Amino acid sequence: MRNNILAIVAVAAAANVPILAHAQTVGVAPGTSVIVEDAPRIAAESYPAFREYVIGERIPNHTIPGTIAVGTVLPDDGVTFYDVPPSFVATPYRYTVVNGETVLVEPRTRRIVQVIE
């Protein structure tokens, strides 16, 4: 009898492990992404200096169809991202030049988070 109770408890516990693990998981629906809104970005007063830096680095201009705006997802192939120098801001984002616009990009999702005007 005692062995039967232990077996039932073990099976019940094993059956609930995936449910408990799922309950602890915070996720995002497939095909969507999360942009950390409070991650540091380049301050507006630093735009001119940052643009000069990018020109000095001779970053190639990538051409893609469509408009460039915050939220645009860049293609998987053909666009290279570069580290933002810490002298401008310590940020998890990278930068590139697309359609003549310097942009900050979240590298995992390839989503534009800031257009440097």
C-alpha atoms as a PDB file:
ATOM      1  CA  MET A   1       0.000   0.000   0.000  1.00  0.00           C
ATOM      2  CA  ARG A   2       2.768   2.396   0.982  1.00  0.00           C
ATOM      3  CA  ASN A   3       4.631   1.658  -2.257  1.00  0.00           C
ATOM      4  CA  ASN A   4       1.486   2.425  -4.266  1.00  0.00           C
ATOM      5  CA  ILE A   5       1.110   5.816  -2.577  1.00  0.00           C
ATOM      6  CA  LEU A   6       4.782   6.649  -3.191  1.00  0.00           C
ATOM      7  CA  ALA A   7       4.432   5.619  -6.838  1.00  0.00           C
ATOM      8  CA  ILE A   8       1.339   7.807  -7.268  1.00  0.00           C
ATOM      9  CA  VAL A   9       3.088  10.788  -5.652  1.00  0.00           C
ATOM     10  CA  ALA A  10       6.169  10.281  -7.857  1.00  0.00           C
ATOM     11  CA  VAL A  11       4.067  10.091 -11.036  1.00  0.00           C
ATOM     12  CA  ALA A  12       2.047  13.159 -10.048  1.00  0.00           C
ATOM     13  CA  ALA A  13       5.203  15.117  -9.261  1.00  0.00           C
ATOM     14  CA  ALA A  14       6.816  14.089 -12.547  1.00  0.00           C
ATOM     15  CA  ALA A  15       3.691  15.066 -14.482  1.00  0.00           C
ATOM     16  CA  ASN A  16       3.660  18.532 -12.887  1.00  0.00           C
ATOM     17  CA  VAL A  17       7.330  19.357 -13.547  1.00  0.00           C
ATOM     18  CA  PRO A  18       6.713  20.580 -17.135  1.00  0.00           C
ATOM     19  CA  ILE A  19       3.727  22.611 -15.957  1.00  0.00           C
ATOM     20  CA  LEU A  20       5.737  24.217 -13.170  1.00  0.00           C
ATOM     21  CA  ALA A  21       8.666  24.896 -15.481  1.00  0.00           C
ATOM     22  CA  HIS A  22       6.315  26.517 -17.975  1.00  0.00           C
ATOM     23  CA  ALA A  23       4.766  28.640 -15.250  1.00  0.00           C
ATOM     24  CA  GLN A  24       8.189  30.019 -14.372  1.00  0.00           C
ATOM     25  CA  THR A  25       9.075  30.886 -17.967  1.00  0.00           C
ATOM     26  CA  VAL A  26       8.547  34.396 -19.248  1.00  0.00           C
ATOM     27  CA  GLY A  27       8.505  34.445 -23.009  1.00  0.00           C
ATOM     28  CA  VAL A  28       7.526  36.284 -26.120  1.00  0.00           C
ATOM     29  CA  ALA A  29       5.173  35.063 -28.786  1.00  0.00           C
ATOM     30  CA  PRO A  30       6.904  33.550 -31.821  1.00  0.00           C
ATOM     31  CA  GLY A  31       7.764  36.133 -34.450  1.00  0.00           C
ATOM     32  CA  THR A  32       7.886  39.017 -31.984  1.00  0.00           C
ATOM     33  CA  SER A  33      10.767  40.585 -30.118  1.00  0.00           C
ATOM     34  CA  VAL A  34      11.437  42.629 -27.037  1.00  0.00           C
ATOM     35  CA  ILE A  35      13.314  45.911 -27.136  1.00  0.00           C
ATOM     36  CA  VAL A  36      14.602  47.058 -23.793  1.00  0.00           C
ATOM     37  CA  GLU A  37      13.269  50.615 -23.703  1.00  0.00           C
ATOM     38  CA  ASP A  38      15.613  51.847 -21.003  1.00  0.00           C
ATOM     39  CA  ALA A  39      18.837  50.602 -22.632  1.00  0.00           C
ATOM     40  CA  PRO A  40      21.208  53.513 -23.234  1.00  0.00           C
ATOM     41  CA  ARG A  41      21.069  55.189 -26.614  1.00  0.00           C
ATOM     42  CA  ILE A  42      23.028  58.009 -28.196  1.00  0.00           C
ATOM     43  CA  ALA A  43      21.984  61.392 -26.818  1.00  0.00           C
ATOM     44  CA  ALA A  44      20.674  63.941 -29.329  1.00  0.00           C
ATOM     45  CA  GLU A  45      23.472  66.370 -28.468  1.00  0.00           C
ATOM     46  CA  SER A  46      25.993  63.688 -29.516  1.00  0.00           C
ATOM     47  CA  TYR A  47      24.450  63.135 -32.973  1.00  0.00           C
ATOM     48  CA  PRO A  48      26.847  65.446 -34.892  1.00  0.00           C
ATOM     49  CA  ALA A  49      29.954  63.934 -33.272  1.00  0.00           C
ATOM     50  CA  PHE A  50      28.678  60.400 -33.794  1.00  0.00           C
ATOM     51  CA  ARG A  51      27.902  61.077 -37.469  1.00  0.00           C
ATOM     52  CA  GLU A  52      31.450  62.422 -37.901  1.00  0.00           C
ATOM     53  CA  TYR A  53      32.808  59.302 -36.196  1.00  0.00           C
ATOM     54  CA  VAL A  54      30.838  57.046 -38.569  1.00  0.00           C
ATOM     55  CA  ILE A  55      32.072  59.001 -41.615  1.00  0.00           C
ATOM     56  CA  GLY A  56      35.640  58.714 -40.343  1.00  0.00           C
ATOM     57  CA  GLU A  57      35.241  54.957 -39.936  1.00  0.00           C
ATOM     58  CA  ARG A  58      34.089  54.692 -43.578  1.00  0.00           C
ATOM     59  CA  ILE A  59      31.159  52.471 -42.689  1.00  0.00           C
ATOM     60  CA  PRO A  60      29.560  51.150 -45.892  1.00  0.00           C
ATOM     61  CA  ASN A  61      26.025  52.211 -46.753  1.00  0.00           C
ATOM     62  CA  HIS A  62      23.643  49.244 -47.019  1.00  0.00           C
ATOM     63  CA  THR A  63      20.672  49.723 -49.326  1.00  0.00           C
ATOM     64  CA  ILE A  64      17.417  47.969 -48.528  1.00  0.00           C
ATOM     65  CA  PRO A  65      13.893  48.457 -49.894  1.00  0.00           C
ATOM     66  CA  GLY A  66      11.419  50.463 -47.844  1.00  0.00           C
ATOM     67  CA  THR A  67      11.726  53.241 -45.318  1.00  0.00           C
ATOM     68  CA  ILE A  68      14.101  53.386 -42.388  1.00  0.00           C
ATOM     69  CA  ALA A  69      12.361  53.980 -39.063  1.00  0.00           C
ATOM     70  CA  VAL A  70      12.392  52.756 -35.487  1.00  0.00           C
ATOM     71  CA  GLY A  71      10.946  49.252 -35.505  1.00  0.00           C
ATOM     72  CA  THR A  72      12.142  48.336 -39.008  1.00  0.00           C
ATOM     73  CA  VAL A  73      13.730  44.890 -39.066  1.00  0.00           C
ATOM     74  CA  LEU A  74      16.862  44.719 -41.203  1.00  0.00           C
ATOM     75  CA  PRO A  75      17.496  41.717 -43.465  1.00  0.00           C
ATOM     76  CA  ASP A  76      19.446  38.715 -42.182  1.00  0.00           C
ATOM     77  CA  ASP A  77      22.065  38.941 -44.917  1.00  0.00           C
ATOM     78  CA  GLY A  78      24.140  41.791 -46.253  1.00  0.00           C
ATOM     79  CA  VAL A  79      24.037  44.217 -43.297  1.00  0.00           C
ATOM     80  CA  THR A  80      27.017  44.485 -40.940  1.00  0.00           C
ATOM     81  CA  PHE A  81      26.747  45.883 -37.411  1.00  0.00           C
ATOM     82  CA  TYR A  82      29.497  47.689 -35.511  1.00  0.00           C
ATOM     83  CA  ASP A  83      30.124  48.337 -31.804  1.00  0.00           C
ATOM     84  CA  VAL A  84      29.278  51.812 -30.521  1.00  0.00           C
ATOM     85  CA  PRO A  85      32.407  53.328 -28.959  1.00  0.00           C
ATOM     86  CA  PRO A  86      32.073  53.686 -25.172  1.00  0.00           C
ATOM     87  CA  SER A  87      33.015  57.360 -25.512  1.00  0.00           C
ATOM     88  CA  PHE A  88      29.499  57.934 -26.894  1.00  0.00           C
ATOM     89  CA  VAL A  89      27.484  55.531 -24.739  1.00  0.00           C
ATOM     90  CA  ALA A  90      27.763  52.086 -23.166  1.00  0.00           C
ATOM     91  CA  THR A  91      24.946  50.262 -24.926  1.00  0.00           C
ATOM     92  CA  PRO A  92      24.018  46.719 -25.927  1.00  0.00           C
ATOM     93  CA  TYR A  93      23.014  48.068 -29.357  1.00  0.00           C
ATOM     94  CA  ARG A  94      25.182  48.180 -32.480  1.00  0.00           C
ATOM     95  CA  TYR A  95      25.182  50.682 -35.317  1.00  0.00           C
ATOM     96  CA  THR A  96      25.211  50.595 -39.089  1.00  0.00           C
ATOM     97  CA  VAL A  97      24.344  52.797 -42.054  1.00  0.00           C
ATOM     98  CA  VAL A  98      21.242  51.901 -44.046  1.00  0.00           C
ATOM     99  CA  ASN A  99      19.841  53.928 -46.956  1.00  0.00           C
ATOM    100  CA  GLY A 100      22.130  56.796 -45.928  1.00  0.00           C
ATOM    101  CA  GLU A 101      20.841  56.818 -42.325  1.00  0.00           C
ATOM    102  CA  THR A 102      22.970  55.926 -39.311  1.00  0.00           C
ATOM    103  CA  VAL A 103      20.918  53.665 -37.038  1.00  0.00           C
ATOM    104  CA  LEU A 104      21.235  51.797 -33.750  1.00  0.00           C
ATOM    105  CA  VAL A 105      20.116  48.179 -34.008  1.00  0.00           C
ATOM    106  CA  GLU A 106      19.297  45.469 -31.496  1.00  0.00           C
ATOM    107  CA  PRO A 107      21.642  42.815 -32.951  1.00  0.00           C
ATOM    108  CA  ARG A 108      19.665  39.683 -32.020  1.00  0.00           C
ATOM    109  CA  THR A 109      16.420  40.821 -33.611  1.00  0.00           C
ATOM    110  CA  ARG A 110      18.013  43.169 -36.191  1.00  0.00           C
ATOM    111  CA  ARG A 111      15.346  45.738 -35.265  1.00  0.00           C
ATOM    112  CA  ILE A 112      16.186  49.455 -35.514  1.00  0.00           C
ATOM    113  CA  VAL A 113      15.863  51.129 -32.097  1.00  0.00           C
ATOM    114  CA  GLN A 114      17.173  54.608 -32.951  1.00  0.00           C
ATOM    115  CA  VAL A 115      17.725  56.666 -36.099  1.00  0.00           C
ATOM    116  CA  ILE A 116      20.573  59.155 -35.688  1.00  0.00           C
ATOM    117  CA  GLU A 117      19.278  62.309 -37.347  1.00  0.00           C
END
